[in-house]
Amino acid sequence: MSTITTPNEILAAGASQFAMFFNAYRECSPEIQEIIHDMTAIAADPEATADEKRLASQTLIEALFPALTADVHDQDEILLRSRESQQIEMDLDHEEVTFAERLRVLMAEKSITQEYLAEMTGVSQPAIANMLARQCRPQRRTIAKIAAALGVESSELWTDSIQ
């Protein structure tokens, strides 16, 4: 990457940027051009606050380069979805931990072994062990079977389960 050092290079770079902005401005509708005039006045106003200038500059960029800002908004949406997905994964993980802990406590309170719970529910003993070790996620009908065998409501095992 080269560095601009001479006054002519600085002016050439500025002229190039001006040409890019001016071409974008000419492509705008009269309504958008009016918005650009207003925002330019705010951005150049020495009495405008830093926030007012920042917002005016953002509006100018959105008005002049809508495709560019659409890409930024798309990236924001992707990031938001990613965060939502991470939150869902964390919530599911928490539900699985809670289920395994509640199942373990209820089995201990009722002195029920994995083998006996498997017989009462029709679910295999290895499946019970996998649920306790959080190596598999129980289906709603399995939660209902286990709850019935333990004499509790499904919601005591899984907060989001069948009521």
Protein backbone atom coordinates (compact mmCIF):
# COMPACT_ATOMS: atom_id res chain seq x y z
CA MET A 1 0.00 0.00 0.00
CA SER A 2 1.50 3.33 -1.06
CA THR A 3 1.34 6.48 0.99
CA ILE A 4 0.17 9.78 -0.49
CA THR A 5 2.86 12.35 0.15
CA THR A 6 2.80 15.23 -2.30
CA PRO A 7 0.15 17.97 -2.48
CA ASN A 8 -0.67 16.89 -6.05
CA GLU A 9 -1.27 13.30 -4.90
CA ILE A 10 -3.50 14.54 -2.09
CA LEU A 11 -5.49 16.69 -4.52
CA ALA A 12 -5.75 13.84 -7.04
CA ALA A 13 -7.06 11.47 -4.37
CA GLY A 14 -9.58 14.07 -3.19
CA ALA A 15 -10.71 14.76 -6.77
CA SER A 16 -11.16 11.05 -7.38
CA GLN A 17 -13.32 10.70 -4.25
CA PHE A 18 -15.30 13.80 -5.21
CA ALA A 19 -15.97 12.35 -8.67
CA MET A 20 -17.23 9.11 -7.13
CA PHE A 21 -19.58 10.97 -4.75
CA PHE A 22 -20.72 13.41 -7.45
CA ASN A 23 -21.60 10.59 -9.84
CA ALA A 24 -23.56 8.85 -7.08
CA TYR A 25 -25.36 12.13 -6.32
CA ARG A 26 -26.33 12.66 -9.97
CA GLU A 27 -27.92 9.18 -10.07
CA CYS A 28 -30.21 10.00 -7.11
CA SER A 29 -33.81 11.12 -7.45
CA PRO A 30 -34.63 14.79 -6.73
CA GLU A 31 -36.08 13.76 -3.35
CA ILE A 32 -32.87 11.99 -2.34
CA GLN A 33 -30.79 14.90 -3.63
CA GLU A 34 -32.77 17.21 -1.32
CA ILE A 35 -31.96 14.93 1.63
CA ILE A 36 -28.30 14.99 0.58
CA HIS A 37 -28.37 18.82 0.54
CA ASP A 38 -29.82 18.89 4.08
CA MET A 39 -27.34 16.32 5.42
CA THR A 40 -24.40 18.08 3.77
CA ALA A 41 -25.44 21.32 5.47
CA ILE A 42 -25.50 19.58 8.85
CA ALA A 43 -22.17 17.81 8.27
CA ALA A 44 -20.53 21.15 7.32
CA ASP A 45 -22.20 23.20 10.07
CA PRO A 46 -19.56 24.23 12.66
CA GLU A 47 -22.32 24.51 15.29
CA ALA A 48 -23.62 20.95 14.75
CA THR A 49 -22.78 18.45 17.48
CA ALA A 50 -20.54 15.46 16.82
CA ASP A 51 -23.59 13.15 16.99
CA GLU A 52 -25.51 15.30 14.50
CA LYS A 53 -22.55 15.23 12.12
CA ARG A 54 -22.11 11.47 12.53
CA LEU A 55 -25.80 10.81 11.83
CA ALA A 56 -25.77 13.20 8.85
CA SER A 57 -22.71 11.41 7.44
CA GLN A 58 -24.36 8.01 7.87
CA THR A 59 -27.47 9.30 6.10
CA LEU A 60 -25.32 10.68 3.27
CA ILE A 61 -23.64 7.30 2.79
CA GLU A 62 -26.98 5.48 2.82
CA ALA A 63 -28.47 7.98 0.33
CA LEU A 64 -25.51 7.91 -2.04
CA PHE A 65 -24.60 4.22 -1.81
CA PRO A 66 -27.74 2.23 -0.91
CA ALA A 67 -26.28 -1.06 -2.17
CA LEU A 68 -23.27 -0.68 0.11
CA THR A 69 -25.41 -0.03 3.17
CA ALA A 70 -27.74 -2.88 2.19
CA ASP A 71 -24.72 -5.20 2.35
CA VAL A 72 -23.86 -3.82 5.80
CA HIS A 73 -27.47 -4.33 6.95
CA ASP A 74 -27.37 -7.87 5.54
CA GLN A 75 -24.16 -8.54 7.48
CA ASP A 76 -25.78 -7.14 10.64
CA GLU A 77 -28.75 -9.47 10.08
CA ILE A 78 -26.44 -12.46 9.62
CA LEU A 79 -24.57 -11.54 12.80
CA LEU A 80 -27.86 -11.15 14.69
CA ARG A 81 -29.06 -14.56 13.47
CA SER A 82 -25.74 -16.06 14.49
CA ARG A 83 -26.11 -14.62 18.00
CA GLU A 84 -29.70 -15.89 18.15
CA SER A 85 -28.53 -19.36 17.09
CA GLN A 86 -25.83 -19.30 19.76
CA GLN A 87 -28.43 -18.31 22.36
CA ILE A 88 -30.74 -21.13 21.26
CA GLU A 89 -27.86 -23.62 21.52
CA MET A 90 -27.03 -22.34 25.00
CA ASP A 91 -30.69 -22.60 26.05
CA LEU A 92 -30.93 -26.17 24.73
CA ASP A 93 -27.70 -27.10 26.46
CA HIS A 94 -29.05 -25.67 29.73
CA GLU A 95 -32.30 -27.63 29.31
CA GLU A 96 -30.33 -30.85 28.77
CA VAL A 97 -28.20 -30.22 31.86
CA THR A 98 -31.30 -29.47 33.91
CA PHE A 99 -33.07 -32.59 32.62
CA ALA A 100 -30.10 -34.86 33.44
CA GLU A 101 -29.77 -33.37 36.93
CA ARG A 102 -33.50 -33.64 37.68
CA LEU A 103 -33.66 -37.19 36.36
CA ARG A 104 -30.63 -38.22 38.44
CA VAL A 105 -32.14 -36.64 41.60
CA LEU A 106 -35.59 -38.21 41.08
CA MET A 107 -34.08 -41.63 40.42
CA ALA A 108 -31.99 -41.35 43.61
CA GLU A 109 -34.97 -40.15 45.68
CA LYS A 110 -37.06 -43.11 44.50
CA SER A 111 -34.16 -45.58 44.56
CA ILE A 112 -34.71 -46.44 40.91
CA THR A 113 -31.86 -47.87 38.85
CA GLN A 114 -31.31 -47.23 35.17
CA GLU A 115 -32.27 -50.84 34.45
CA TYR A 116 -35.56 -50.58 36.36
CA LEU A 117 -36.42 -47.23 34.74
CA ALA A 118 -35.73 -48.81 31.35
CA GLU A 119 -38.14 -51.68 32.14
CA MET A 120 -40.86 -49.26 33.33
CA THR A 121 -40.60 -47.00 30.28
CA GLY A 122 -39.69 -49.34 27.45
CA VAL A 123 -36.61 -47.21 26.82
CA SER A 124 -33.31 -49.10 26.71
CA GLN A 125 -30.88 -48.83 29.63
CA PRO A 126 -28.10 -47.50 27.35
CA ALA A 127 -30.50 -44.75 26.20
CA ILE A 128 -31.17 -43.83 29.86
CA ALA A 129 -27.39 -43.75 30.48
CA ASN A 130 -26.89 -41.54 27.40
CA MET A 131 -29.57 -39.11 28.61
CA LEU A 132 -27.95 -38.91 32.04
CA ALA A 133 -24.56 -38.32 30.41
CA ARG A 134 -26.13 -35.76 28.02
CA GLN A 135 -25.01 -37.73 25.00
CA CYS A 136 -28.47 -37.74 23.50
CA ARG A 137 -31.47 -35.45 23.67
CA PRO A 138 -34.70 -37.14 24.82
CA GLN A 139 -37.80 -36.89 22.68
CA ARG A 140 -40.99 -35.46 24.19
CA ARG A 141 -42.68 -38.88 24.31
CA THR A 142 -39.64 -40.30 26.12
CA ILE A 143 -39.80 -37.48 28.67
CA ALA A 144 -43.51 -38.22 29.15
CA LYS A 145 -42.81 -41.96 29.65
CA ILE A 146 -40.04 -41.25 32.17
CA ALA A 147 -42.18 -38.71 34.04
CA ALA A 148 -45.07 -41.19 34.25
CA ALA A 149 -42.74 -43.93 35.52
CA LEU A 150 -41.36 -41.57 38.18
CA GLY A 151 -44.82 -40.29 39.14
CA VAL A 152 -44.10 -36.65 38.26
CA GLU A 153 -45.28 -34.15 35.67
CA SER A 154 -43.25 -33.88 32.45
CA SER A 155 -42.56 -30.24 33.30
CA GLU A 156 -40.63 -31.37 36.38
CA LEU A 157 -38.11 -33.04 34.09
CA TRP A 158 -38.12 -30.67 31.13
CA THR A 159 -39.49 -27.16 31.49
CA ASP A 160 -40.46 -26.99 27.81
CA SER A 161 -42.02 -30.46 27.69
CA ILE A 162 -45.59 -31.54 27.14
CA GLN A 163 -47.86 -30.18 29.84
